[in-house]
Amino acid sequence: MKKFLMLMLAVFLIVPIVKAQAADIPNFKRVAGDSVTDGKRSNKTKGYHVYTYVPLEYNTSFAEQYVALLQKRGLTLIEHKETELKNEIDFWIVSYIDEWLFNYKNHQVIFSLFRRHGYENLTKVDMYFSVKVPDALTYEED
């Protein structure tokens, strides 16, 4: 009976670890931890699920760290682009989108950083990170 209980305990401890390691795409919170809100899942884009994270403080270093983590996990960086968005209504506000496009198992994974702030008040920044994962791949948060 003692051996059976030890075996059951081992299964309950090892299975979650194996499941987390088996995910194709690691959770963004691996680099950001509790410095961001929990990922909000959206399925608005057909064929993809998108996880959005809002940082508690302005911090762009999470982007560099997550890109490095994805490459370490075997994703191939295809392209990185930064786009400045013009605000036609209020030209005092500037927005930027950084996108990193990866290939993994013949699927495209997109990691994005969105920043928006006013020219006069650089301390007031709206910012969020998102991870766009094809339905064919698993995300560690699932």
Protein backbone atom coordinates (compact mmCIF):
# COMPACT_ATOMS: atom_id res chain seq x y z
CA MET A 1 0.00 0.00 0.00
CA LYS A 2 2.87 2.33 0.83
CA LYS A 3 4.43 1.80 -2.61
CA PHE A 4 1.10 2.52 -4.28
CA LEU A 5 0.71 5.81 -2.41
CA MET A 6 4.27 6.83 -3.29
CA LEU A 7 3.59 6.01 -6.95
CA MET A 8 0.38 8.09 -6.93
CA LEU A 9 2.19 11.00 -5.30
CA ALA A 10 4.94 10.84 -7.93
CA VAL A 11 2.35 10.85 -10.73
CA PHE A 12 0.58 13.91 -9.30
CA LEU A 13 3.87 15.78 -8.99
CA ILE A 14 5.45 14.80 -12.31
CA VAL A 15 2.46 15.03 -14.67
CA PRO A 16 1.96 18.83 -14.27
CA ILE A 17 5.69 19.40 -14.82
CA VAL A 18 5.72 17.27 -17.98
CA LYS A 19 2.56 18.98 -19.26
CA ALA A 20 4.11 22.45 -18.77
CA GLN A 21 7.28 21.41 -20.56
CA ALA A 22 5.32 19.83 -23.37
CA ALA A 23 3.73 23.14 -24.43
CA ASP A 24 4.98 24.42 -27.77
CA ILE A 25 5.06 28.09 -26.73
CA PRO A 26 6.21 29.15 -23.24
CA ASN A 27 4.07 31.46 -21.12
CA PHE A 28 5.07 35.15 -21.26
CA LYS A 29 4.93 35.23 -17.45
CA ARG A 30 8.10 33.10 -17.42
CA VAL A 31 10.01 36.35 -18.05
CA ALA A 32 7.56 38.92 -16.64
CA GLY A 33 6.33 37.05 -13.56
CA ASP A 34 3.95 39.02 -11.38
CA SER A 35 4.99 42.29 -13.04
CA VAL A 36 2.15 41.85 -15.55
CA THR A 37 -1.53 41.02 -15.30
CA ASP A 38 -2.61 37.46 -16.00
CA GLY A 39 -2.92 36.68 -19.68
CA LYS A 40 -6.29 37.54 -21.15
CA ARG A 41 -7.18 35.04 -23.89
CA SER A 42 -8.98 36.12 -27.03
CA ASN A 43 -10.06 33.99 -29.99
CA LYS A 44 -11.13 36.86 -32.26
CA THR A 45 -8.61 36.01 -34.97
CA LYS A 46 -9.70 32.88 -36.82
CA GLY A 47 -7.17 30.08 -36.41
CA TYR A 48 -5.32 31.80 -33.55
CA HIS A 49 -5.65 32.46 -29.86
CA VAL A 50 -4.10 35.65 -28.48
CA TYR A 51 -2.89 36.24 -24.93
CA THR A 52 -2.59 39.86 -23.77
CA TYR A 53 -0.57 41.03 -20.76
CA VAL A 54 -0.54 44.53 -19.25
CA PRO A 55 2.58 45.48 -17.26
CA LEU A 56 2.17 47.07 -13.84
CA GLU A 57 5.07 49.41 -14.67
CA TYR A 58 6.66 50.54 -17.93
CA ASN A 59 9.21 47.89 -18.86
CA THR A 60 10.29 47.07 -22.41
CA SER A 61 13.03 44.66 -21.31
CA PHE A 62 10.43 41.89 -21.03
CA ALA A 63 10.19 41.92 -24.82
CA GLU A 64 13.90 41.22 -25.28
CA GLN A 65 13.81 38.50 -22.64
CA TYR A 66 10.76 36.78 -24.15
CA VAL A 67 12.21 36.88 -27.68
CA ALA A 68 15.37 35.23 -26.33
CA LEU A 69 13.26 32.60 -24.51
CA LEU A 70 11.31 31.78 -27.69
CA GLN A 71 14.53 31.38 -29.68
CA LYS A 72 15.99 29.19 -26.94
CA ARG A 73 12.88 26.97 -27.17
CA GLY A 74 13.49 26.43 -30.90
CA LEU A 75 11.36 29.11 -32.58
CA THR A 76 13.03 30.71 -35.59
CA LEU A 77 12.86 34.51 -35.78
CA ILE A 78 11.71 35.45 -39.28
CA GLU A 79 11.23 39.19 -38.93
CA HIS A 80 11.17 42.05 -36.43
CA LYS A 81 9.44 45.27 -37.36
CA GLU A 82 8.62 48.47 -35.49
CA THR A 83 5.76 50.61 -36.75
CA GLU A 84 4.91 54.13 -35.64
CA LEU A 85 1.19 54.80 -35.81
CA LYS A 86 0.04 58.34 -36.57
CA ASN A 87 -2.92 59.62 -34.59
CA GLU A 88 -5.03 61.73 -36.94
CA ILE A 89 -7.26 63.07 -34.15
CA ASP A 90 -4.63 63.99 -31.56
CA PHE A 91 -1.15 64.50 -33.02
CA TRP A 92 0.31 64.83 -29.49
CA ILE A 93 -0.12 61.10 -29.00
CA VAL A 94 2.30 58.64 -30.57
CA SER A 95 1.94 54.86 -30.72
CA TYR A 96 4.40 52.14 -31.61
CA ILE A 97 3.94 48.47 -32.35
CA ASP A 98 6.91 46.12 -32.25
CA GLU A 99 6.23 42.72 -33.80
CA TRP A 100 8.44 39.66 -33.81
CA LEU A 101 7.36 36.95 -36.27
CA PHE A 102 8.53 33.42 -35.58
CA ASN A 103 8.26 30.11 -37.39
CA TYR A 104 7.67 26.97 -35.37
CA LYS A 105 6.61 23.60 -36.81
CA ASN A 106 5.56 25.39 -40.03
CA HIS A 107 3.27 27.77 -38.12
CA GLN A 108 3.65 31.49 -37.52
CA VAL A 109 3.78 32.78 -33.93
CA ILE A 110 3.62 36.55 -33.39
CA PHE A 111 4.82 38.36 -30.28
CA SER A 112 3.91 42.06 -30.03
CA LEU A 113 4.64 45.06 -27.83
CA PHE A 114 2.27 48.02 -28.07
CA ARG A 115 3.20 51.43 -26.58
CA ARG A 116 1.26 54.71 -26.67
CA HIS A 117 2.16 57.96 -24.99
CA GLY A 118 1.84 61.71 -25.36
CA TYR A 119 4.74 63.90 -26.41
CA GLU A 120 4.25 66.22 -23.42
CA ASN A 121 3.74 63.55 -20.77
CA LEU A 122 6.16 60.69 -21.32
CA THR A 123 5.42 59.25 -17.88
CA LYS A 124 1.83 58.37 -18.87
CA VAL A 125 2.25 55.30 -21.05
CA ASP A 126 -0.27 52.74 -22.22
CA MET A 127 1.47 49.47 -22.89
CA TYR A 128 0.68 45.81 -23.42
CA PHE A 129 2.31 42.64 -24.71
CA SER A 130 0.55 39.98 -26.75
CA VAL A 131 1.38 36.46 -27.89
CA LYS A 132 -0.53 35.21 -30.94
CA VAL A 133 -0.45 31.41 -31.16
CA PRO A 134 -1.95 29.27 -33.95
CA ASP A 135 -4.64 26.86 -32.80
CA ALA A 136 -2.42 23.98 -33.98
CA LEU A 137 0.17 24.81 -31.29
CA THR A 138 -0.14 24.71 -27.52
CA TYR A 139 0.54 27.63 -25.21
CA GLU A 140 1.84 26.93 -21.74
CA GLU A 141 -1.02 28.84 -20.10
CA ASP A 142 -3.66 26.54 -21.61
